[in-house]
Amino acid sequence: MQVFCHHIYEYKKGVRNLILHTLEKSKMDIVESRLSRENIDYVIYSVDDKKINIFFGADECVEVIKKINKKSLVDYSPEEDFILGIMLGYDRKKQCERYLKMKVG
């Protein structure tokens, strides 16, 4: 939960506009309660029986994730993967390289 709290700190300080956090399903109620209390938009997708992915941050960024509407990251198209990486603040050059590899394969 320390990493989750640090992600909230980074969002509130403007370091990131969108965060992807993976954690155990058993913590979902605590996380939802905290995000609601902080008035931070979020969407949750199940990874498997034990884990979830939570995207949270700026309303516009979370809305993009909702519009993509893919439950699993492996289902993202190369373009969606590229957009997600850029939104999460990953290195642009590396995202371009990743995209080009995905498009060749």
PDB file of N, CA and C in Angstrom:
ATOM      1  N   MET A   1       0.817  -1.207   0.000  1.00  0.00           N
ATOM      2  CA  MET A   1       0.000   0.000   0.000  1.00  0.00           C
ATOM      3  C   MET A   1       0.860   1.271   0.000  1.00  0.00           C
ATOM      4  N   GLN A   2       2.133   1.140   0.386  1.00  0.00           N
ATOM      5  CA  GLN A   2       3.012   2.307   0.372  1.00  0.00           C
ATOM      6  C   GLN A   2       3.203   2.836  -1.046  1.00  0.00           C
ATOM      7  N   VAL A   3       3.338   1.924  -1.991  1.00  0.00           N
ATOM      8  CA  VAL A   3       3.511   2.346  -3.387  1.00  0.00           C
ATOM      9  C   VAL A   3       2.240   3.037  -3.869  1.00  0.00           C
ATOM     10  N   PHE A   4       1.078   2.491  -3.517  1.00  0.00           N
ATOM     11  CA  PHE A   4      -0.189   3.109  -3.888  1.00  0.00           C
ATOM     12  C   PHE A   4      -0.274   4.539  -3.336  1.00  0.00           C
ATOM     13  N   CYS A   5       0.068   4.708  -2.078  1.00  0.00           N
ATOM     14  CA  CYS A   5       0.048   6.044  -1.462  1.00  0.00           C
ATOM     15  C   CYS A   5       1.030   6.979  -2.156  1.00  0.00           C
ATOM     16  N   HIS A   6       2.180   6.454  -2.544  1.00  0.00           N
ATOM     17  CA  HIS A   6       3.149   7.271  -3.264  1.00  0.00           C
ATOM     18  C   HIS A   6       2.609   7.671  -4.646  1.00  0.00           C
ATOM     19  N   HIS A   7       1.897   6.774  -5.302  1.00  0.00           N
ATOM     20  CA  HIS A   7       1.273   7.105  -6.589  1.00  0.00           C
ATOM     21  C   HIS A   7       0.268   8.243  -6.430  1.00  0.00           C
ATOM     22  N   ILE A   8      -0.511   8.208  -5.374  1.00  0.00           N
ATOM     23  CA  ILE A   8      -1.456   9.309  -5.112  1.00  0.00           C
ATOM     24  C   ILE A   8      -0.681  10.613  -4.915  1.00  0.00           C
ATOM     25  N   TYR A   9       0.400  10.557  -4.154  1.00  0.00           N
ATOM     26  CA  TYR A   9       1.241  11.730  -3.928  1.00  0.00           C
ATOM     27  C   TYR A   9       1.756  12.286  -5.256  1.00  0.00           C
ATOM     28  N   GLU A  10       2.277  11.410  -6.113  1.00  0.00           N
ATOM     29  CA  GLU A  10       2.791  11.851  -7.418  1.00  0.00           C
ATOM     30  C   GLU A  10       1.692  12.480  -8.262  1.00  0.00           C
ATOM     31  N   TYR A  11       0.501  11.897  -8.242  1.00  0.00           N
ATOM     32  CA  TYR A  11      -0.608  12.462  -9.002  1.00  0.00           C
ATOM     33  C   TYR A  11      -0.961  13.855  -8.470  1.00  0.00           C
ATOM     34  N   LYS A  12      -1.098  13.976  -7.171  1.00  0.00           N
ATOM     35  CA  LYS A  12      -1.493  15.257  -6.581  1.00  0.00           C
ATOM     36  C   LYS A  12      -0.435  16.340  -6.784  1.00  0.00           C
ATOM     37  N   LYS A  13       0.830  15.957  -6.884  1.00  0.00           N
ATOM     38  CA  LYS A  13       1.905  16.922  -7.111  1.00  0.00           C
ATOM     39  C   LYS A  13       2.093  17.243  -8.594  1.00  0.00           C
ATOM     40  N   GLY A  14       1.355  16.556  -9.472  1.00  0.00           N
ATOM     41  CA  GLY A  14       1.444  16.834 -10.898  1.00  0.00           C
ATOM     42  C   GLY A  14       2.574  16.109 -11.611  1.00  0.00           C
ATOM     43  N   VAL A  15       3.193  15.141 -10.930  1.00  0.00           N
ATOM     44  CA  VAL A  15       4.273  14.376 -11.557  1.00  0.00           C
ATOM     45  C   VAL A  15       3.714  13.470 -12.645  1.00  0.00           C
ATOM     46  N   ARG A  16       2.535  12.920 -12.391  1.00  0.00           N
ATOM     47  CA  ARG A  16       1.872  12.024 -13.348  1.00  0.00           C
ATOM     48  C   ARG A  16       0.417  12.421 -13.503  1.00  0.00           C
ATOM     49  N   ASN A  17      -0.102  12.201 -14.709  1.00  0.00           N
ATOM     50  CA  ASN A  17      -1.525  12.431 -14.960  1.00  0.00           C
ATOM     51  C   ASN A  17      -2.333  11.147 -14.901  1.00  0.00           C
ATOM     52  N   LEU A  18      -1.641  10.018 -15.104  1.00  0.00           N
ATOM     53  CA  LEU A  18      -2.303   8.713 -15.082  1.00  0.00           C
ATOM     54  C   LEU A  18      -1.382   7.712 -14.418  1.00  0.00           C
ATOM     55  N   ILE A  19      -1.965   6.870 -13.584  1.00  0.00           N
ATOM     56  CA  ILE A  19      -1.217   5.836 -12.884  1.00  0.00           C
ATOM     57  C   ILE A  19      -1.881   4.499 -13.145  1.00  0.00           C
ATOM     58  N   LEU A  20      -1.058   3.477 -13.358  1.00  0.00           N
ATOM     59  CA  LEU A  20      -1.520   2.093 -13.426  1.00  0.00           C
ATOM     60  C   LEU A  20      -0.916   1.387 -12.231  1.00  0.00           C
ATOM     61  N   HIS A  21      -1.769   0.882 -11.358  1.00  0.00           N
ATOM     62  CA  HIS A  21      -1.309   0.196 -10.145  1.00  0.00           C
ATOM     63  C   HIS A  21      -1.953  -1.185 -10.090  1.00  0.00           C
ATOM     64  N   THR A  22      -1.129  -2.206  -9.881  1.00  0.00           N
ATOM     65  CA  THR A  22      -1.603  -3.580  -9.770  1.00  0.00           C
ATOM     66  C   THR A  22      -1.505  -4.003  -8.314  1.00  0.00           C
ATOM     67  N   LEU A  23      -2.577  -4.616  -7.798  1.00  0.00           N
ATOM     68  CA  LEU A  23      -2.558  -5.092  -6.430  1.00  0.00           C
ATOM     69  C   LEU A  23      -3.546  -6.223  -6.231  1.00  0.00           C
ATOM     70  N   GLU A  24      -3.533  -6.783  -5.036  1.00  0.00           N
ATOM     71  CA  GLU A  24      -4.417  -7.897  -4.701  1.00  0.00           C
ATOM     72  C   GLU A  24      -5.875  -7.424  -4.642  1.00  0.00           C
ATOM     73  N   LYS A  25      -6.777  -8.276  -5.105  1.00  0.00           N
ATOM     74  CA  LYS A  25      -8.205  -7.953  -5.068  1.00  0.00           C
ATOM     75  C   LYS A  25      -8.683  -7.674  -3.650  1.00  0.00           C
ATOM     76  N   SER A  26      -8.066  -8.302  -2.676  1.00  0.00           N
ATOM     77  CA  SER A  26      -8.479  -8.124  -1.281  1.00  0.00           C
ATOM     78  C   SER A  26      -8.325  -6.678  -0.808  1.00  0.00           C
ATOM     79  N   LYS A  27      -7.518  -5.884  -1.498  1.00  0.00           N
ATOM     80  CA  LYS A  27      -7.296  -4.475  -1.135  1.00  0.00           C
ATOM     81  C   LYS A  27      -8.201  -3.517  -1.908  1.00  0.00           C
ATOM     82  N   MET A  28      -9.050  -4.045  -2.782  1.00  0.00           N
ATOM     83  CA  MET A  28      -9.849  -3.206  -3.664  1.00  0.00           C
ATOM     84  C   MET A  28     -10.740  -2.219  -2.901  1.00  0.00           C
ATOM     85  N   ASP A  29     -11.417  -2.658  -1.851  1.00  0.00           N
ATOM     86  CA  ASP A  29     -12.300  -1.757  -1.108  1.00  0.00           C
ATOM     87  C   ASP A  29     -11.530  -0.597  -0.478  1.00  0.00           C
ATOM     88  N   ILE A  30     -10.364  -0.882   0.060  1.00  0.00           N
ATOM     89  CA  ILE A  30      -9.535   0.158   0.677  1.00  0.00           C
ATOM     90  C   ILE A  30      -9.110   1.184  -0.369  1.00  0.00           C
ATOM     91  N   VAL A  31      -8.669   0.689  -1.524  1.00  0.00           N
ATOM     92  CA  VAL A  31      -8.191   1.562  -2.596  1.00  0.00           C
ATOM     93  C   VAL A  31      -9.343   2.401  -3.154  1.00  0.00           C
ATOM     94  N   GLU A  32     -10.479   1.772  -3.414  1.00  0.00           N
ATOM     95  CA  GLU A  32     -11.634   2.530  -3.925  1.00  0.00           C
ATOM     96  C   GLU A  32     -12.070   3.604  -2.940  1.00  0.00           C
ATOM     97  N   SER A  33     -12.089   3.265  -1.676  1.00  0.00           N
ATOM     98  CA  SER A  33     -12.468   4.232  -0.647  1.00  0.00           C
ATOM     99  C   SER A  33     -11.515   5.423  -0.635  1.00  0.00           C
ATOM    100  N   ARG A  34     -10.227   5.150  -0.719  1.00  0.00           N
ATOM    101  CA  ARG A  34      -9.228   6.232  -0.698  1.00  0.00           C
ATOM    102  C   ARG A  34      -9.349   7.115  -1.934  1.00  0.00           C
ATOM    103  N   LEU A  35      -9.480   6.501  -3.113  1.00  0.00           N
ATOM    104  CA  LEU A  35      -9.597   7.289  -4.334  1.00  0.00           C
ATOM    105  C   LEU A  35     -10.870   8.128  -4.336  1.00  0.00           C
ATOM    106  N   SER A  36     -11.964   7.567  -3.846  1.00  0.00           N
ATOM    107  CA  SER A  36     -13.217   8.323  -3.754  1.00  0.00           C
ATOM    108  C   SER A  36     -13.070   9.487  -2.780  1.00  0.00           C
ATOM    109  N   ARG A  37     -12.456   9.226  -1.646  1.00  0.00           N
ATOM    110  CA  ARG A  37     -12.247  10.260  -0.635  1.00  0.00           C
ATOM    111  C   ARG A  37     -11.373  11.391  -1.183  1.00  0.00           C
ATOM    112  N   GLU A  38     -10.397  11.044  -2.016  1.00  0.00           N
ATOM    113  CA  GLU A  38      -9.497  12.038  -2.616  1.00  0.00           C
ATOM    114  C   GLU A  38     -10.095  12.665  -3.876  1.00  0.00           C
ATOM    115  N   ASN A  39     -11.287  12.187  -4.277  1.00  0.00           N
ATOM    116  CA  ASN A  39     -11.967  12.675  -5.480  1.00  0.00           C
ATOM    117  C   ASN A  39     -11.102  12.482  -6.735  1.00  0.00           C
ATOM    118  N   ILE A  40     -10.517  11.269  -6.843  1.00  0.00           N
ATOM    119  CA  ILE A  40      -9.680  10.916  -7.987  1.00  0.00           C
ATOM    120  C   ILE A  40     -10.427   9.881  -8.822  1.00  0.00           C
ATOM    121  N   ASP A  41     -10.560  10.174 -10.110  1.00  0.00           N
ATOM    122  CA  ASP A  41     -11.250   9.262 -11.025  1.00  0.00           C
ATOM    123  C   ASP A  41     -10.426   7.984 -11.202  1.00  0.00           C
ATOM    124  N   TYR A  42     -11.115   6.855 -11.391  1.00  0.00           N
ATOM    125  CA  TYR A  42     -10.420   5.578 -11.558  1.00  0.00           C
ATOM    126  C   TYR A  42     -11.301   4.577 -12.295  1.00  0.00           C
ATOM    127  N   VAL A  43     -10.649   3.524 -12.789  1.00  0.00           N
ATOM    128  CA  VAL A  43     -11.335   2.382 -13.377  1.00  0.00           C
ATOM    129  C   VAL A  43     -10.527   1.143 -12.987  1.00  0.00           C
ATOM    130  N   ILE A  44     -11.231   0.060 -12.698  1.00  0.00           N
ATOM    131  CA  ILE A  44     -10.588  -1.168 -12.235  1.00  0.00           C
ATOM    132  C   ILE A  44     -10.887  -2.302 -13.205  1.00  0.00           C
ATOM    133  N   TYR A  45      -9.837  -3.057 -13.535  1.00  0.00           N
ATOM    134  CA  TYR A  45      -9.978  -4.255 -14.361  1.00  0.00           C
ATOM    135  C   TYR A  45      -9.334  -5.429 -13.634  1.00  0.00           C
ATOM    136  N   SER A  46      -9.964  -6.571 -13.727  1.00  0.00           N
ATOM    137  CA  SER A  46      -9.439  -7.780 -13.112  1.00  0.00           C
ATOM    138  C   SER A  46      -8.287  -8.328 -13.956  1.00  0.00           C
ATOM    139  N   VAL A  47      -7.200  -8.717 -13.298  1.00  0.00           N
ATOM    140  CA  VAL A  47      -6.065  -9.343 -13.972  1.00  0.00           C
ATOM    141  C   VAL A  47      -6.256 -10.857 -13.959  1.00  0.00           C
ATOM    142  N   ASP A  48      -6.582 -11.374 -12.788  1.00  0.00           N
ATOM    143  CA  ASP A  48      -6.862 -12.797 -12.600  1.00  0.00           C
ATOM    144  C   ASP A  48      -7.698 -12.944 -11.335  1.00  0.00           C
ATOM    145  N   ASP A  49      -7.739 -14.142 -10.774  1.00  0.00           N
ATOM    146  CA  ASP A  49      -8.561 -14.371  -9.582  1.00  0.00           C
ATOM    147  C   ASP A  49      -8.078 -13.619  -8.353  1.00  0.00           C
ATOM    148  N   LYS A  50      -6.822 -13.218  -8.366  1.00  0.00           N
ATOM    149  CA  LYS A  50      -6.239 -12.616  -7.169  1.00  0.00           C
ATOM    150  C   LYS A  50      -5.815 -11.160  -7.314  1.00  0.00           C
ATOM    151  N   LYS A  51      -5.654 -10.677  -8.561  1.00  0.00           N
ATOM    152  CA  LYS A  51      -5.110  -9.338  -8.763  1.00  0.00           C
ATOM    153  C   LYS A  51      -6.009  -8.473  -9.639  1.00  0.00           C
ATOM    154  N   ILE A  52      -5.842  -7.160  -9.456  1.00  0.00           N
ATOM    155  CA  ILE A  52      -6.561  -6.169 -10.250  1.00  0.00           C
ATOM    156  C   ILE A  52      -5.592  -5.100 -10.729  1.00  0.00           C
ATOM    157  N   ASN A  53      -5.948  -4.474 -11.836  1.00  0.00           N
ATOM    158  CA  ASN A  53      -5.264  -3.281 -12.320  1.00  0.00           C
ATOM    159  C   ASN A  53      -6.179  -2.093 -12.067  1.00  0.00           C
ATOM    160  N   ILE A  54      -5.635  -1.064 -11.463  1.00  0.00           N
ATOM    161  CA  ILE A  54      -6.378   0.171 -11.242  1.00  0.00           C
ATOM    162  C   ILE A  54      -5.681   1.280 -12.018  1.00  0.00           C
ATOM    163  N   PHE A  55      -6.428   1.906 -12.913  1.00  0.00           N
ATOM    164  CA  PHE A  55      -5.966   3.109 -13.584  1.00  0.00           C
ATOM    165  C   PHE A  55      -6.600   4.266 -12.836  1.00  0.00           C
ATOM    166  N   PHE A  56      -5.803   5.239 -12.419  1.00  0.00           N
ATOM    167  CA  PHE A  56      -6.396   6.408 -11.777  1.00  0.00           C
ATOM    168  C   PHE A  56      -5.607   7.658 -12.098  1.00  0.00           C
ATOM    169  N   GLY A  57      -6.302   8.787 -11.981  1.00  0.00           N
ATOM    170  CA  GLY A  57      -5.663  10.072 -12.255  1.00  0.00           C
ATOM    171  C   GLY A  57      -6.636  11.072 -12.827  1.00  0.00           C
ATOM    172  N   ALA A  58      -6.139  11.894 -13.741  1.00  0.00           N
ATOM    173  CA  ALA A  58      -6.944  12.950 -14.356  1.00  0.00           C
ATOM    174  C   ALA A  58      -8.157  12.350 -15.068  1.00  0.00           C
ATOM    175  N   ASP A  59      -9.281  13.010 -14.915  1.00  0.00           N
ATOM    176  CA  ASP A  59     -10.536  12.527 -15.499  1.00  0.00           C
ATOM    177  C   ASP A  59     -10.398  12.202 -16.982  1.00  0.00           C
ATOM    178  N   GLU A  60      -9.734  13.104 -17.740  1.00  0.00           N
ATOM    179  CA  GLU A  60      -9.601  12.911 -19.185  1.00  0.00           C
ATOM    180  C   GLU A  60      -8.778  11.665 -19.505  1.00  0.00           C
ATOM    181  N   CYS A  61      -7.752  11.421 -18.733  1.00  0.00           N
ATOM    182  CA  CYS A  61      -6.899  10.254 -18.961  1.00  0.00           C
ATOM    183  C   CYS A  61      -7.642   8.956 -18.643  1.00  0.00           C
ATOM    184  N   VAL A  62      -8.351   8.957 -17.547  1.00  0.00           N
ATOM    185  CA  VAL A  62      -9.131   7.768 -17.169  1.00  0.00           C
ATOM    186  C   VAL A  62     -10.229   7.527 -18.201  1.00  0.00           C
ATOM    187  N   GLU A  63     -10.792   8.596 -18.729  1.00  0.00           N
ATOM    188  CA  GLU A  63     -11.837   8.457 -19.753  1.00  0.00           C
ATOM    189  C   GLU A  63     -11.283   7.795 -21.012  1.00  0.00           C
ATOM    190  N   VAL A  64     -10.041   8.096 -21.380  1.00  0.00           N
ATOM    191  CA  VAL A  64      -9.418   7.438 -22.532  1.00  0.00           C
ATOM    192  C   VAL A  64      -9.328   5.937 -22.278  1.00  0.00           C
ATOM    193  N   ILE A  65      -8.911   5.542 -21.087  1.00  0.00           N
ATOM    194  CA  ILE A  65      -8.822   4.119 -20.733  1.00  0.00           C
ATOM    195  C   ILE A  65     -10.204   3.473 -20.819  1.00  0.00           C
ATOM    196  N   LYS A  66     -11.220   4.171 -20.339  1.00  0.00           N
ATOM    197  CA  LYS A  66     -12.590   3.644 -20.411  1.00  0.00           C
ATOM    198  C   LYS A  66     -13.040   3.492 -21.860  1.00  0.00           C
ATOM    199  N   LYS A  67     -12.665   4.432 -22.717  1.00  0.00           N
ATOM    200  CA  LYS A  67     -13.053   4.357 -24.139  1.00  0.00           C
ATOM    201  C   LYS A  67     -12.331   3.217 -24.854  1.00  0.00           C
ATOM    202  N   ILE A  68     -11.064   2.973 -24.500  1.00  0.00           N
ATOM    203  CA  ILE A  68     -10.351   1.830 -25.070  1.00  0.00           C
ATOM    204  C   ILE A  68     -11.069   0.555 -24.663  1.00  0.00           C
ATOM    205  N   ASN A  69     -11.492   0.495 -23.408  1.00  0.00           N
ATOM    206  CA  ASN A  69     -12.375  -0.559 -22.892  1.00  0.00           C
ATOM    207  C   ASN A  69     -11.857  -1.981 -23.143  1.00  0.00           C
ATOM    208  N   LYS A  70     -10.592  -2.191 -22.834  1.00  0.00           N
ATOM    209  CA  LYS A  70     -10.015  -3.531 -22.923  1.00  0.00           C
ATOM    210  C   LYS A  70      -9.693  -3.986 -21.507  1.00  0.00           C
ATOM    211  N   LYS A  71     -10.187  -5.133 -21.144  1.00  0.00           N
ATOM    212  CA  LYS A  71     -10.003  -5.644 -19.782  1.00  0.00           C
ATOM    213  C   LYS A  71      -8.568  -6.056 -19.501  1.00  0.00           C
ATOM    214  N   SER A  72      -7.837  -6.482 -20.530  1.00  0.00           N
ATOM    215  CA  SER A  72      -6.475  -6.977 -20.353  1.00  0.00           C
ATOM    216  C   SER A  72      -5.506  -6.174 -21.210  1.00  0.00           C
ATOM    217  N   LEU A  73      -4.342  -5.884 -20.657  1.00  0.00           N
ATOM    218  CA  LEU A  73      -3.333  -5.119 -21.392  1.00  0.00           C
ATOM    219  C   LEU A  73      -2.825  -5.869 -22.617  1.00  0.00           C
ATOM    220  N   VAL A  74      -2.866  -7.186 -22.589  1.00  0.00           N
ATOM    221  CA  VAL A  74      -2.404  -7.964 -23.749  1.00  0.00           C
ATOM    222  C   VAL A  74      -3.351  -7.825 -24.939  1.00  0.00           C
ATOM    223  N   ASP A  75      -4.563  -7.339 -24.705  1.00  0.00           N
ATOM    224  CA  ASP A  75      -5.540  -7.150 -25.777  1.00  0.00           C
ATOM    225  C   ASP A  75      -5.399  -5.792 -26.468  1.00  0.00           C
ATOM    226  N   TYR A  76      -4.519  -4.934 -25.971  1.00  0.00           N
ATOM    227  CA  TYR A  76      -4.339  -3.615 -26.570  1.00  0.00           C
ATOM    228  C   TYR A  76      -3.689  -3.744 -27.945  1.00  0.00           C
ATOM    229  N   SER A  77      -4.190  -2.973 -28.884  1.00  0.00           N
ATOM    230  CA  SER A  77      -3.545  -2.898 -30.198  1.00  0.00           C
ATOM    231  C   SER A  77      -2.215  -2.168 -30.022  1.00  0.00           C
ATOM    232  N   PRO A  78      -1.321  -2.252 -31.016  1.00  0.00           N
ATOM    233  CA  PRO A  78      -0.060  -1.501 -30.909  1.00  0.00           C
ATOM    234  C   PRO A  78      -0.293  -0.004 -30.691  1.00  0.00           C
ATOM    235  N   GLU A  79      -1.306   0.546 -31.330  1.00  0.00           N
ATOM    236  CA  GLU A  79      -1.608   1.975 -31.174  1.00  0.00           C
ATOM    237  C   GLU A  79      -2.108   2.281 -29.769  1.00  0.00           C
ATOM    238  N   GLU A  80      -2.986   1.436 -29.245  1.00  0.00           N
ATOM    239  CA  GLU A  80      -3.503   1.634 -27.888  1.00  0.00           C
ATOM    240  C   GLU A  80      -2.383   1.480 -26.861  1.00  0.00           C
ATOM    241  N   ASP A  81      -1.509   0.509 -27.078  1.00  0.00           N
ATOM    242  CA  ASP A  81      -0.363   0.294 -26.203  1.00  0.00           C
ATOM    243  C   ASP A  81       0.547   1.522 -26.198  1.00  0.00           C
ATOM    244  N   PHE A  82       0.766   2.088 -27.372  1.00  0.00           N
ATOM    245  CA  PHE A  82       1.600   3.284 -27.500  1.00  0.00           C
ATOM    246  C   PHE A  82       0.974   4.449 -26.728  1.00  0.00           C
ATOM    247  N   ILE A  83      -0.303   4.669 -26.937  1.00  0.00           N
ATOM    248  CA  ILE A  83      -1.012   5.754 -26.248  1.00  0.00           C
ATOM    249  C   ILE A  83      -0.918   5.564 -24.733  1.00  0.00           C
ATOM    250  N   LEU A  84      -1.163   4.338 -24.272  1.00  0.00           N
ATOM    251  CA  LEU A  84      -1.109   4.061 -22.847  1.00  0.00           C
ATOM    252  C   LEU A  84       0.283   4.362 -22.293  1.00  0.00           C
ATOM    253  N   GLY A  85       1.308   3.896 -22.968  1.00  0.00           N
ATOM    254  CA  GLY A  85       2.671   4.142 -22.500  1.00  0.00           C
ATOM    255  C   GLY A  85       2.994   5.621 -22.393  1.00  0.00           C
ATOM    256  N   ILE A  86       2.586   6.387 -23.385  1.00  0.00           N
ATOM    257  CA  ILE A  86       2.814   7.837 -23.357  1.00  0.00           C
ATOM    258  C   ILE A  86       2.039   8.468 -22.205  1.00  0.00           C
ATOM    259  N   MET A  87       0.784   8.045 -22.026  1.00  0.00           N
ATOM    260  CA  MET A  87      -0.034   8.604 -20.940  1.00  0.00           C
ATOM    261  C   MET A  87       0.532   8.265 -19.560  1.00  0.00           C
ATOM    262  N   LEU A  88       1.164   7.108 -19.441  1.00  0.00           N
ATOM    263  CA  LEU A  88       1.749   6.706 -18.160  1.00  0.00           C
ATOM    264  C   LEU A  88       3.115   7.356 -17.921  1.00  0.00           C
ATOM    265  N   GLY A  89       3.611   8.077 -18.932  1.00  0.00           N
ATOM    266  CA  GLY A  89       4.854   8.808 -18.765  1.00  0.00           C
ATOM    267  C   GLY A  89       6.101   8.020 -19.103  1.00  0.00           C
ATOM    268  N   TYR A  90       5.932   6.928 -19.843  1.00  0.00           N
ATOM    269  CA  TYR A  90       7.090   6.131 -20.242  1.00  0.00           C
ATOM    270  C   TYR A  90       7.920   6.910 -21.254  1.00  0.00           C
ATOM    271  N   ASP A  91       9.165   6.554 -21.387  1.00  0.00           N
ATOM    272  CA  ASP A  91      10.088   7.185 -22.311  1.00  0.00           C
ATOM    273  C   ASP A  91       9.522   7.159 -23.734  1.00  0.00           C
ATOM    274  N   ARG A  92       9.413   8.315 -24.374  1.00  0.00           N
ATOM    275  CA  ARG A  92       8.806   8.411 -25.709  1.00  0.00           C
ATOM    276  C   ARG A  92       9.581   7.619 -26.755  1.00  0.00           C
ATOM    277  N   LYS A  93      10.887   7.733 -26.726  1.00  0.00           N
ATOM    278  CA  LYS A  93      11.704   7.021 -27.705  1.00  0.00           C
ATOM    279  C   LYS A  93      11.521   5.512 -27.551  1.00  0.00           C
ATOM    280  N   LYS A  94      11.537   5.034 -26.330  1.00  0.00           N
ATOM    281  CA  LYS A  94      11.340   3.600 -26.097  1.00  0.00           C
ATOM    282  C   LYS A  94       9.937   3.158 -26.492  1.00  0.00           C
ATOM    283  N   GLN A  95       8.962   4.021 -26.292  1.00  0.00           N
ATOM    284  CA  GLN A  95       7.597   3.688 -26.729  1.00  0.00           C
ATOM    285  C   GLN A  95       7.534   3.601 -28.252  1.00  0.00           C
ATOM    286  N   CYS A  96       8.250   4.491 -28.934  1.00  0.00           N
ATOM    287  CA  CYS A  96       8.298   4.428 -30.397  1.00  0.00           C
ATOM    288  C   CYS A  96       8.954   3.129 -30.845  1.00  0.00           C
ATOM    289  N   GLU A  97      10.053   2.768 -30.202  1.00  0.00           N
ATOM    290  CA  GLU A  97      10.730   1.510 -30.535  1.00  0.00           C
ATOM    291  C   GLU A  97       9.807   0.318 -30.279  1.00  0.00           C
ATOM    292  N   ARG A  98       9.114   0.321 -29.153  1.00  0.00           N
ATOM    293  CA  ARG A  98       8.178  -0.763 -28.813  1.00  0.00           C
ATOM    294  C   ARG A  98       7.067  -0.860 -29.857  1.00  0.00           C
ATOM    295  N   TYR A  99       6.513   0.283 -30.225  1.00  0.00           N
ATOM    296  CA  TYR A  99       5.449   0.319 -31.224  1.00  0.00           C
ATOM    297  C   TYR A  99       5.929  -0.264 -32.552  1.00  0.00           C
ATOM    298  N   LEU A 100       7.097   0.157 -32.990  1.00  0.00           N
ATOM    299  CA  LEU A 100       7.631  -0.335 -34.271  1.00  0.00           C
ATOM    300  C   LEU A 100       7.871  -1.850 -34.233  1.00  0.00           C
ATOM    301  N   LYS A 101       8.354  -2.376 -33.131  1.00  0.00           N
ATOM    302  CA  LYS A 101       8.532  -3.822 -32.987  1.00  0.00           C
ATOM    303  C   LYS A 101       7.189  -4.551 -33.031  1.00  0.00           C
ATOM    304  N   MET A 102       6.176  -3.964 -32.392  1.00  0.00           N
ATOM    305  CA  MET A 102       4.855  -4.592 -32.383  1.00  0.00           C
ATOM    306  C   MET A 102       4.235  -4.596 -33.782  1.00  0.00           C
ATOM    307  N   LYS A 103       4.478  -3.545 -34.531  1.00  0.00           N
ATOM    308  CA  LYS A 103       3.915  -3.433 -35.874  1.00  0.00           C
ATOM    309  C   LYS A 103       4.594  -4.379 -36.871  1.00  0.00           C
ATOM    310  N   VAL A 104       5.877  -4.674 -36.673  1.00  0.00           N
ATOM    311  CA  VAL A 104       6.598  -5.592 -37.540  1.00  0.00           C
ATOM    312  C   VAL A 104       6.139  -7.024 -37.276  1.00  0.00           C
ATOM    313  N   GLY A 105       5.950  -7.342 -35.990  1.00  0.00           N
ATOM    314  CA  GLY A 105       5.610  -8.713 -35.579  1.00  0.00           C
ATOM    315  C   GLY A 105       4.228  -9.072 -35.808  1.00  0.00           C
TER     316      GLY A 105
END
